[in-house]
Amino acid sequence: MEGRGGPAQTNFLLDAKCDVLLLTEVKEGWSLPGYNLTPGKPDMAPGKRWAAVASKDALVPCQSPHPASAAYVVGGTTYVSSILP
């Protein structure tokens, strides 16, 4: 997301109609209608998070493999979003 969180990014993701999205470079305070969004920590820059998971279902946090990653369980499946290659 390159730290952006405007209407273009929001509409693009909503049009994809995904149940779960793995996101990187998420603008702090950005939300995605109809999704639970939990950004990882720490900040990569002021107002921008390294990684996040967005889901239409509830997100349950679990141990992340790295501080620049976000790990959550959705419906019994573990999802990890990471900026790392």
PDB file of N, CA and C in Angstrom:
ATOM      1  N   MET A   1       0.811  -1.184   0.000  1.00  0.00           N
ATOM      2  CA  MET A   1       0.000   0.000   0.000  1.00  0.00           C
ATOM      3  C   MET A   1       0.862   1.258   0.000  1.00  0.00           C
ATOM      4  N   GLU A   2       2.168   1.078   0.171  1.00  0.00           N
ATOM      5  CA  GLU A   2       3.118   2.185   0.127  1.00  0.00           C
ATOM      6  C   GLU A   2       2.744   3.322   1.074  1.00  0.00           C
ATOM      7  N   GLY A   3       2.111   2.970   2.198  1.00  0.00           N
ATOM      8  CA  GLY A   3       1.754   3.975   3.176  1.00  0.00           C
ATOM      9  C   GLY A   3       0.567   4.833   2.810  1.00  0.00           C
ATOM     10  N   ARG A   4      -0.086   4.488   1.715  1.00  0.00           N
ATOM     11  CA  ARG A   4      -1.264   5.237   1.293  1.00  0.00           C
ATOM     12  C   ARG A   4      -2.506   4.554   1.834  1.00  0.00           C
ATOM     13  N   GLY A   5      -3.557   5.284   1.942  1.00  0.00           N
ATOM     14  CA  GLY A   5      -4.790   4.690   2.426  1.00  0.00           C
ATOM     15  C   GLY A   5      -5.981   5.500   1.964  1.00  0.00           C
ATOM     16  N   GLY A   6      -5.931   5.943   0.742  1.00  0.00           N
ATOM     17  CA  GLY A   6      -7.002   6.766   0.211  1.00  0.00           C
ATOM     18  C   GLY A   6      -8.081   5.955  -0.477  1.00  0.00           C
ATOM     19  N   PRO A   7      -9.008   6.636  -1.116  1.00  0.00           N
ATOM     20  CA  PRO A   7     -10.117   5.969  -1.800  1.00  0.00           C
ATOM     21  C   PRO A   7      -9.673   4.994  -2.892  1.00  0.00           C
ATOM     22  N   ALA A   8      -8.612   5.299  -3.613  1.00  0.00           N
ATOM     23  CA  ALA A   8      -8.157   4.396  -4.683  1.00  0.00           C
ATOM     24  C   ALA A   8      -7.736   3.048  -4.118  1.00  0.00           C
ATOM     25  N   GLN A   9      -6.955   3.058  -3.031  1.00  0.00           N
ATOM     26  CA  GLN A   9      -6.504   1.813  -2.412  1.00  0.00           C
ATOM     27  C   GLN A   9      -7.682   1.066  -1.789  1.00  0.00           C
ATOM     28  N   THR A  10      -8.552   1.793  -1.123  1.00  0.00           N
ATOM     29  CA  THR A  10      -9.716   1.172  -0.488  1.00  0.00           C
ATOM     30  C   THR A  10     -10.605   0.502  -1.526  1.00  0.00           C
ATOM     31  N   ASN A  11     -10.937   1.205  -2.582  1.00  0.00           N
ATOM     32  CA  ASN A  11     -11.804   0.645  -3.627  1.00  0.00           C
ATOM     33  C   ASN A  11     -11.158  -0.543  -4.332  1.00  0.00           C
ATOM     34  N   PHE A  12      -9.857  -0.467  -4.587  1.00  0.00           N
ATOM     35  CA  PHE A  12      -9.150  -1.574  -5.228  1.00  0.00           C
ATOM     36  C   PHE A  12      -9.281  -2.846  -4.387  1.00  0.00           C
ATOM     37  N   LEU A  13      -9.045  -2.725  -3.084  1.00  0.00           N
ATOM     38  CA  LEU A  13      -9.114  -3.894  -2.203  1.00  0.00           C
ATOM     39  C   LEU A  13     -10.546  -4.395  -2.041  1.00  0.00           C
ATOM     40  N   LEU A  14     -11.507  -3.506  -1.931  1.00  0.00           N
ATOM     41  CA  LEU A  14     -12.907  -3.928  -1.816  1.00  0.00           C
ATOM     42  C   LEU A  14     -13.371  -4.631  -3.087  1.00  0.00           C
ATOM     43  N   ASP A  15     -12.945  -4.153  -4.247  1.00  0.00           N
ATOM     44  CA  ASP A  15     -13.325  -4.776  -5.521  1.00  0.00           C
ATOM     45  C   ASP A  15     -12.767  -6.188  -5.670  1.00  0.00           C
ATOM     46  N   ALA A  16     -11.679  -6.499  -4.951  1.00  0.00           N
ATOM     47  CA  ALA A  16     -11.077  -7.838  -5.025  1.00  0.00           C
ATOM     48  C   ALA A  16     -11.963  -8.890  -4.366  1.00  0.00           C
ATOM     49  N   LYS A  17     -12.839  -8.453  -3.445  1.00  0.00           N
ATOM     50  CA  LYS A  17     -13.787  -9.351  -2.773  1.00  0.00           C
ATOM     51  C   LYS A  17     -13.102 -10.546  -2.091  1.00  0.00           C
ATOM     52  N   CYS A  18     -11.980 -10.280  -1.431  1.00  0.00           N
ATOM     53  CA  CYS A  18     -11.245 -11.321  -0.716  1.00  0.00           C
ATOM     54  C   CYS A  18     -11.792 -11.470   0.701  1.00  0.00           C
ATOM     55  N   ASP A  19     -11.692 -12.676   1.244  1.00  0.00           N
ATOM     56  CA  ASP A  19     -12.068 -12.909   2.637  1.00  0.00           C
ATOM     57  C   ASP A  19     -10.971 -12.452   3.589  1.00  0.00           C
ATOM     58  N   VAL A  20      -9.709 -12.646   3.177  1.00  0.00           N
ATOM     59  CA  VAL A  20      -8.550 -12.255   3.977  1.00  0.00           C
ATOM     60  C   VAL A  20      -7.563 -11.543   3.061  1.00  0.00           C
ATOM     61  N   LEU A  21      -6.979 -10.459   3.558  1.00  0.00           N
ATOM     62  CA  LEU A  21      -5.971  -9.706   2.812  1.00  0.00           C
ATOM     63  C   LEU A  21      -4.712  -9.584   3.662  1.00  0.00           C
ATOM     64  N   LEU A  22      -3.560  -9.812   3.043  1.00  0.00           N
ATOM     65  CA  LEU A  22      -2.269  -9.617   3.699  1.00  0.00           C
ATOM     66  C   LEU A  22      -1.695  -8.326   3.134  1.00  0.00           C
ATOM     67  N   LEU A  23      -1.491  -7.337   3.999  1.00  0.00           N
ATOM     68  CA  LEU A  23      -1.120  -5.997   3.565  1.00  0.00           C
ATOM     69  C   LEU A  23       0.227  -5.584   4.146  1.00  0.00           C
ATOM     70  N   THR A  24       0.932  -4.721   3.419  1.00  0.00           N
ATOM     71  CA  THR A  24       2.178  -4.137   3.922  1.00  0.00           C
ATOM     72  C   THR A  24       2.125  -2.626   3.742  1.00  0.00           C
ATOM     73  N   GLU A  25       2.950  -1.939   4.508  1.00  0.00           N
ATOM     74  CA  GLU A  25       3.059  -0.476   4.463  1.00  0.00           C
ATOM     75  C   GLU A  25       1.685   0.179   4.604  1.00  0.00           C
ATOM     76  N   VAL A  26       1.035  -0.096   5.706  1.00  0.00           N
ATOM     77  CA  VAL A  26      -0.342   0.337   5.947  1.00  0.00           C
ATOM     78  C   VAL A  26      -0.359   1.660   6.719  1.00  0.00           C
ATOM     79  N   LYS A  27      -1.075   2.623   6.191  1.00  0.00           N
ATOM     80  CA  LYS A  27      -1.191   3.935   6.827  1.00  0.00           C
ATOM     81  C   LYS A  27      -1.928   3.801   8.159  1.00  0.00           C
ATOM     82  N   GLU A  28      -1.356   4.382   9.201  1.00  0.00           N
ATOM     83  CA  GLU A  28      -1.985   4.343  10.511  1.00  0.00           C
ATOM     84  C   GLU A  28      -3.337   5.055  10.464  1.00  0.00           C
ATOM     85  N   GLY A  29      -4.342   4.426  11.078  1.00  0.00           N
ATOM     86  CA  GLY A  29      -5.678   5.008  11.115  1.00  0.00           C
ATOM     87  C   GLY A  29      -6.546   4.656   9.926  1.00  0.00           C
ATOM     88  N   TRP A  30      -5.987   4.002   8.915  1.00  0.00           N
ATOM     89  CA  TRP A  30      -6.760   3.618   7.729  1.00  0.00           C
ATOM     90  C   TRP A  30      -7.672   2.451   8.088  1.00  0.00           C
ATOM     91  N   SER A  31      -8.849   2.418   7.515  1.00  0.00           N
ATOM     92  CA  SER A  31      -9.764   1.300   7.743  1.00  0.00           C
ATOM     93  C   SER A  31     -10.309   0.816   6.409  1.00  0.00           C
ATOM     94  N   LEU A  32     -10.808  -0.402   6.424  1.00  0.00           N
ATOM     95  CA  LEU A  32     -11.381  -1.027   5.240  1.00  0.00           C
ATOM     96  C   LEU A  32     -12.790  -1.478   5.597  1.00  0.00           C
ATOM     97  N   PRO A  33     -13.814  -0.810   5.061  1.00  0.00           N
ATOM     98  CA  PRO A  33     -15.203  -1.131   5.425  1.00  0.00           C
ATOM     99  C   PRO A  33     -15.533  -2.612   5.244  1.00  0.00           C
ATOM    100  N   GLY A  34     -16.139  -3.203   6.278  1.00  0.00           N
ATOM    101  CA  GLY A  34     -16.532  -4.606   6.233  1.00  0.00           C
ATOM    102  C   GLY A  34     -15.442  -5.565   6.667  1.00  0.00           C
ATOM    103  N   TYR A  35     -14.263  -5.034   7.021  1.00  0.00           N
ATOM    104  CA  TYR A  35     -13.131  -5.873   7.414  1.00  0.00           C
ATOM    105  C   TYR A  35     -12.660  -5.506   8.820  1.00  0.00           C
ATOM    106  N   ASN A  36     -12.153  -6.506   9.516  1.00  0.00           N
ATOM    107  CA  ASN A  36     -11.401  -6.290  10.743  1.00  0.00           C
ATOM    108  C   ASN A  36      -9.954  -6.112  10.307  1.00  0.00           C
ATOM    109  N   LEU A  37      -9.325  -5.059  10.724  1.00  0.00           N
ATOM    110  CA  LEU A  37      -7.962  -4.750  10.306  1.00  0.00           C
ATOM    111  C   LEU A  37      -7.095  -4.562  11.539  1.00  0.00           C
ATOM    112  N   THR A  38      -6.052  -5.376  11.642  1.00  0.00           N
ATOM    113  CA  THR A  38      -5.162  -5.273  12.783  1.00  0.00           C
ATOM    114  C   THR A  38      -3.745  -5.109  12.281  1.00  0.00           C
ATOM    115  N   PRO A  39      -3.215  -3.890  12.341  1.00  0.00           N
ATOM    116  CA  PRO A  39      -1.848  -3.679  11.877  1.00  0.00           C
ATOM    117  C   PRO A  39      -0.824  -4.258  12.824  1.00  0.00           C
ATOM    118  N   GLY A  40       0.295  -4.653  12.268  1.00  0.00           N
ATOM    119  CA  GLY A  40       1.411  -5.126  13.077  1.00  0.00           C
ATOM    120  C   GLY A  40       2.161  -3.946  13.660  1.00  0.00           C
ATOM    121  N   LYS A  41       3.179  -4.242  14.396  1.00  0.00           N
ATOM    122  CA  LYS A  41       4.005  -3.208  15.006  1.00  0.00           C
ATOM    123  C   LYS A  41       5.446  -3.628  14.861  1.00  0.00           C
ATOM    124  N   PRO A  42       6.387  -2.808  14.937  1.00  0.00           N
ATOM    125  CA  PRO A  42       6.342  -1.378  15.210  1.00  0.00           C
ATOM    126  C   PRO A  42       6.131  -0.574  13.937  1.00  0.00           C
ATOM    127  N   ASP A  43       6.108   0.721  14.105  1.00  0.00           N
ATOM    128  CA  ASP A  43       5.999   1.609  12.949  1.00  0.00           C
ATOM    129  C   ASP A  43       7.256   1.514  12.101  1.00  0.00           C
ATOM    130  N   MET A  44       7.081   1.537  10.777  1.00  0.00           N
ATOM    131  CA  MET A  44       8.238   1.576   9.879  1.00  0.00           C
ATOM    132  C   MET A  44       8.660   3.012   9.633  1.00  0.00           C
ATOM    133  N   ALA A  45       7.719   3.926   9.815  1.00  0.00           N
ATOM    134  CA  ALA A  45       7.936   5.371   9.688  1.00  0.00           C
ATOM    135  C   ALA A  45       6.759   6.025  10.404  1.00  0.00           C
ATOM    136  N   PRO A  46       6.845   7.280  10.718  1.00  0.00           N
ATOM    137  CA  PRO A  46       5.709   7.923  11.373  1.00  0.00           C
ATOM    138  C   PRO A  46       4.414   7.747  10.574  1.00  0.00           C
ATOM    139  N   GLY A  47       3.396   7.187  11.233  1.00  0.00           N
ATOM    140  CA  GLY A  47       2.098   7.021  10.593  1.00  0.00           C
ATOM    141  C   GLY A  47       1.977   5.854   9.645  1.00  0.00           C
ATOM    142  N   LYS A  48       2.969   4.955   9.609  1.00  0.00           N
ATOM    143  CA  LYS A  48       2.932   3.823   8.674  1.00  0.00           C
ATOM    144  C   LYS A  48       3.376   2.552   9.380  1.00  0.00           C
ATOM    145  N   ARG A  49       2.577   1.497   9.270  1.00  0.00           N
ATOM    146  CA  ARG A  49       2.881   0.199   9.879  1.00  0.00           C
ATOM    147  C   ARG A  49       3.526  -0.734   8.856  1.00  0.00           C
ATOM    148  N   TRP A  50       4.367  -1.635   9.350  1.00  0.00           N
ATOM    149  CA  TRP A  50       5.039  -2.592   8.477  1.00  0.00           C
ATOM    150  C   TRP A  50       4.052  -3.526   7.776  1.00  0.00           C
ATOM    151  N   ALA A  51       3.158  -4.147   8.538  1.00  0.00           N
ATOM    152  CA  ALA A  51       2.307  -5.191   7.969  1.00  0.00           C
ATOM    153  C   ALA A  51       0.971  -5.242   8.701  1.00  0.00           C
ATOM    154  N   ALA A  52      -0.038  -5.802   8.024  1.00  0.00           N
ATOM    155  CA  ALA A  52      -1.361  -5.954   8.624  1.00  0.00           C
ATOM    156  C   ALA A  52      -2.089  -7.113   7.962  1.00  0.00           C
ATOM    157  N   VAL A  53      -3.079  -7.634   8.678  1.00  0.00           N
ATOM    158  CA  VAL A  53      -3.990  -8.639   8.134  1.00  0.00           C
ATOM    159  C   VAL A  53      -5.390  -8.042   8.232  1.00  0.00           C
ATOM    160  N   ALA A  54      -6.147  -8.147   7.155  1.00  0.00           N
ATOM    161  CA  ALA A  54      -7.543  -7.696   7.139  1.00  0.00           C
ATOM    162  C   ALA A  54      -8.415  -8.910   6.846  1.00  0.00           C
ATOM    163  N   SER A  55      -9.511  -9.035   7.592  1.00  0.00           N
ATOM    164  CA  SER A  55     -10.380 -10.195   7.426  1.00  0.00           C
ATOM    165  C   SER A  55     -11.832  -9.808   7.633  1.00  0.00           C
ATOM    166  N   LYS A  56     -12.709 -10.464   6.877  1.00  0.00           N
ATOM    167  CA  LYS A  56     -14.141 -10.276   7.088  1.00  0.00           C
ATOM    168  C   LYS A  56     -14.584 -10.950   8.378  1.00  0.00           C
ATOM    169  N   ASP A  57     -13.840 -11.966   8.824  1.00  0.00           N
ATOM    170  CA  ASP A  57     -14.119 -12.666  10.083  1.00  0.00           C
ATOM    171  C   ASP A  57     -13.194 -12.137  11.178  1.00  0.00           C
ATOM    172  N   ALA A  58     -13.451 -12.558  12.399  1.00  0.00           N
ATOM    173  CA  ALA A  58     -12.659 -12.108  13.542  1.00  0.00           C
ATOM    174  C   ALA A  58     -11.196 -12.521  13.409  1.00  0.00           C
ATOM    175  N   LEU A  59     -10.324 -11.651  13.878  1.00  0.00           N
ATOM    176  CA  LEU A  59      -8.885 -11.901  13.895  1.00  0.00           C
ATOM    177  C   LEU A  59      -8.450 -12.258  15.312  1.00  0.00           C
ATOM    178  N   VAL A  60      -7.698 -13.339  15.437  1.00  0.00           N
ATOM    179  CA  VAL A  60      -7.157 -13.747  16.734  1.00  0.00           C
ATOM    180  C   VAL A  60      -5.638 -13.626  16.634  1.00  0.00           C
ATOM    181  N   PRO A  61      -5.014 -12.754  17.438  1.00  0.00           N
ATOM    182  CA  PRO A  61      -3.565 -12.592  17.339  1.00  0.00           C
ATOM    183  C   PRO A  61      -2.825 -13.847  17.772  1.00  0.00           C
ATOM    184  N   CYS A  62      -1.677 -14.063  17.154  1.00  0.00           N
ATOM    185  CA  CYS A  62      -0.788 -15.156  17.556  1.00  0.00           C
ATOM    186  C   CYS A  62       0.651 -14.649  17.446  1.00  0.00           C
ATOM    187  N   GLN A  63       1.595 -15.470  17.863  1.00  0.00           N
ATOM    188  CA  GLN A  63       2.993 -15.069  17.867  1.00  0.00           C
ATOM    189  C   GLN A  63       3.487 -14.796  16.454  1.00  0.00           C
ATOM    190  N   SER A  64       3.975 -13.595  16.229  1.00  0.00           N
ATOM    191  CA  SER A  64       4.521 -13.214  14.929  1.00  0.00           C
ATOM    192  C   SER A  64       5.970 -13.672  14.825  1.00  0.00           C
ATOM    193  N   PRO A  65       6.390 -14.131  13.647  1.00  0.00           N
ATOM    194  CA  PRO A  65       7.763 -14.616  13.501  1.00  0.00           C
ATOM    195  C   PRO A  65       8.807 -13.498  13.479  1.00  0.00           C
ATOM    196  N   HIS A  66       8.378 -12.246  13.325  1.00  0.00           N
ATOM    197  CA  HIS A  66       9.314 -11.121  13.227  1.00  0.00           C
ATOM    198  C   HIS A  66       8.573  -9.832  13.570  1.00  0.00           C
ATOM    199  N   PRO A  67       9.245  -8.843  14.165  1.00  0.00           N
ATOM    200  CA  PRO A  67       8.560  -7.589  14.505  1.00  0.00           C
ATOM    201  C   PRO A  67       7.967  -6.857  13.302  1.00  0.00           C
ATOM    202  N   ALA A  68       8.490  -7.090  12.110  1.00  0.00           N
ATOM    203  CA  ALA A  68       7.973  -6.434  10.909  1.00  0.00           C
ATOM    204  C   ALA A  68       6.876  -7.264  10.239  1.00  0.00           C
ATOM    205  N   SER A  69       6.338  -8.230  10.950  1.00  0.00           N
ATOM    206  CA  SER A  69       5.280  -9.097  10.430  1.00  0.00           C
ATOM    207  C   SER A  69       4.057  -9.019  11.332  1.00  0.00           C
ATOM    208  N   ALA A  70       2.921  -9.393  10.779  1.00  0.00           N
ATOM    209  CA  ALA A  70       1.680  -9.472  11.549  1.00  0.00           C
ATOM    210  C   ALA A  70       1.120 -10.879  11.360  1.00  0.00           C
ATOM    211  N   ALA A  71       0.832 -11.562  12.464  1.00  0.00           N
ATOM    212  CA  ALA A  71       0.328 -12.933  12.403  1.00  0.00           C
ATOM    213  C   ALA A  71      -0.997 -13.030  13.152  1.00  0.00           C
ATOM    214  N   TYR A  72      -2.001 -13.595  12.488  1.00  0.00           N
ATOM    215  CA  TYR A  72      -3.336 -13.732  13.074  1.00  0.00           C
ATOM    216  C   TYR A  72      -3.972 -15.020  12.590  1.00  0.00           C
ATOM    217  N   VAL A  73      -4.859 -15.557  13.422  1.00  0.00           N
ATOM    218  CA  VAL A  73      -5.629 -16.749  13.073  1.00  0.00           C
ATOM    219  C   VAL A  73      -7.022 -16.292  12.680  1.00  0.00           C
ATOM    220  N   VAL A  74      -7.485 -16.817  11.548  1.00  0.00           N
ATOM    221  CA  VAL A  74      -8.837 -16.543  11.056  1.00  0.00           C
ATOM    222  C   VAL A  74      -9.471 -17.890  10.731  1.00  0.00           C
ATOM    223  N   GLY A  75     -10.526 -18.228  11.443  1.00  0.00           N
ATOM    224  CA  GLY A  75     -11.221 -19.484  11.170  1.00  0.00           C
ATOM    225  C   GLY A  75     -10.345 -20.704  11.239  1.00  0.00           C
ATOM    226  N   GLY A  76      -9.368 -20.735  12.146  1.00  0.00           N
ATOM    227  CA  GLY A  76      -8.489 -21.894  12.318  1.00  0.00           C
ATOM    228  C   GLY A  76      -7.268 -21.900  11.418  1.00  0.00           C
ATOM    229  N   THR A  77      -7.122 -20.939  10.524  1.00  0.00           N
ATOM    230  CA  THR A  77      -5.971 -20.847   9.639  1.00  0.00           C
ATOM    231  C   THR A  77      -5.117 -19.675  10.067  1.00  0.00           C
ATOM    232  N   THR A  78      -3.792 -19.877  10.143  1.00  0.00           N
ATOM    233  CA  THR A  78      -2.874 -18.804  10.510  1.00  0.00           C
ATOM    234  C   THR A  78      -2.418 -18.067   9.250  1.00  0.00           C
ATOM    235  N   TYR A  79      -2.521 -16.750   9.303  1.00  0.00           N
ATOM    236  CA  TYR A  79      -2.078 -15.888   8.206  1.00  0.00           C
ATOM    237  C   TYR A  79      -0.953 -14.998   8.720  1.00  0.00           C
ATOM    238  N   VAL A  80       0.108 -14.849   7.917  1.00  0.00           N
ATOM    239  CA  VAL A  80       1.213 -13.987   8.286  1.00  0.00           C
ATOM    240  C   VAL A  80       1.483 -13.021   7.137  1.00  0.00           C
ATOM    241  N   SER A  81       1.409 -11.737   7.444  1.00  0.00           N
ATOM    242  CA  SER A  81       1.761 -10.705   6.487  1.00  0.00           C
ATOM    243  C   SER A  81       3.118 -10.154   6.898  1.00  0.00           C
ATOM    244  N   SER A  82       4.014 -10.011   5.934  1.00  0.00           N
ATOM    245  CA  SER A  82       5.360  -9.552   6.275  1.00  0.00           C
ATOM    246  C   SER A  82       5.938  -8.716   5.157  1.00  0.00           C
ATOM    247  N   ILE A  83       6.657  -7.704   5.529  1.00  0.00           N
ATOM    248  CA  ILE A  83       7.372  -6.871   4.564  1.00  0.00           C
ATOM    249  C   ILE A  83       8.653  -7.564   4.113  1.00  0.00           C
ATOM    250  N   LEU A  84       9.052  -8.589   4.875  1.00  0.00           N
ATOM    251  CA  LEU A  84      10.292  -9.302   4.583  1.00  0.00           C
ATOM    252  C   LEU A  84      10.140 -10.177   3.344  1.00  0.00           C
ATOM    253  N   PRO A  85      11.209 -10.287   2.559  1.00  0.00           N
ATOM    254  CA  PRO A  85      11.129 -11.154   1.356  1.00  0.00           C
ATOM    255  C   PRO A  85      11.081 -12.620   1.721  1.00  0.00           C
TER     256      PRO A  85
END
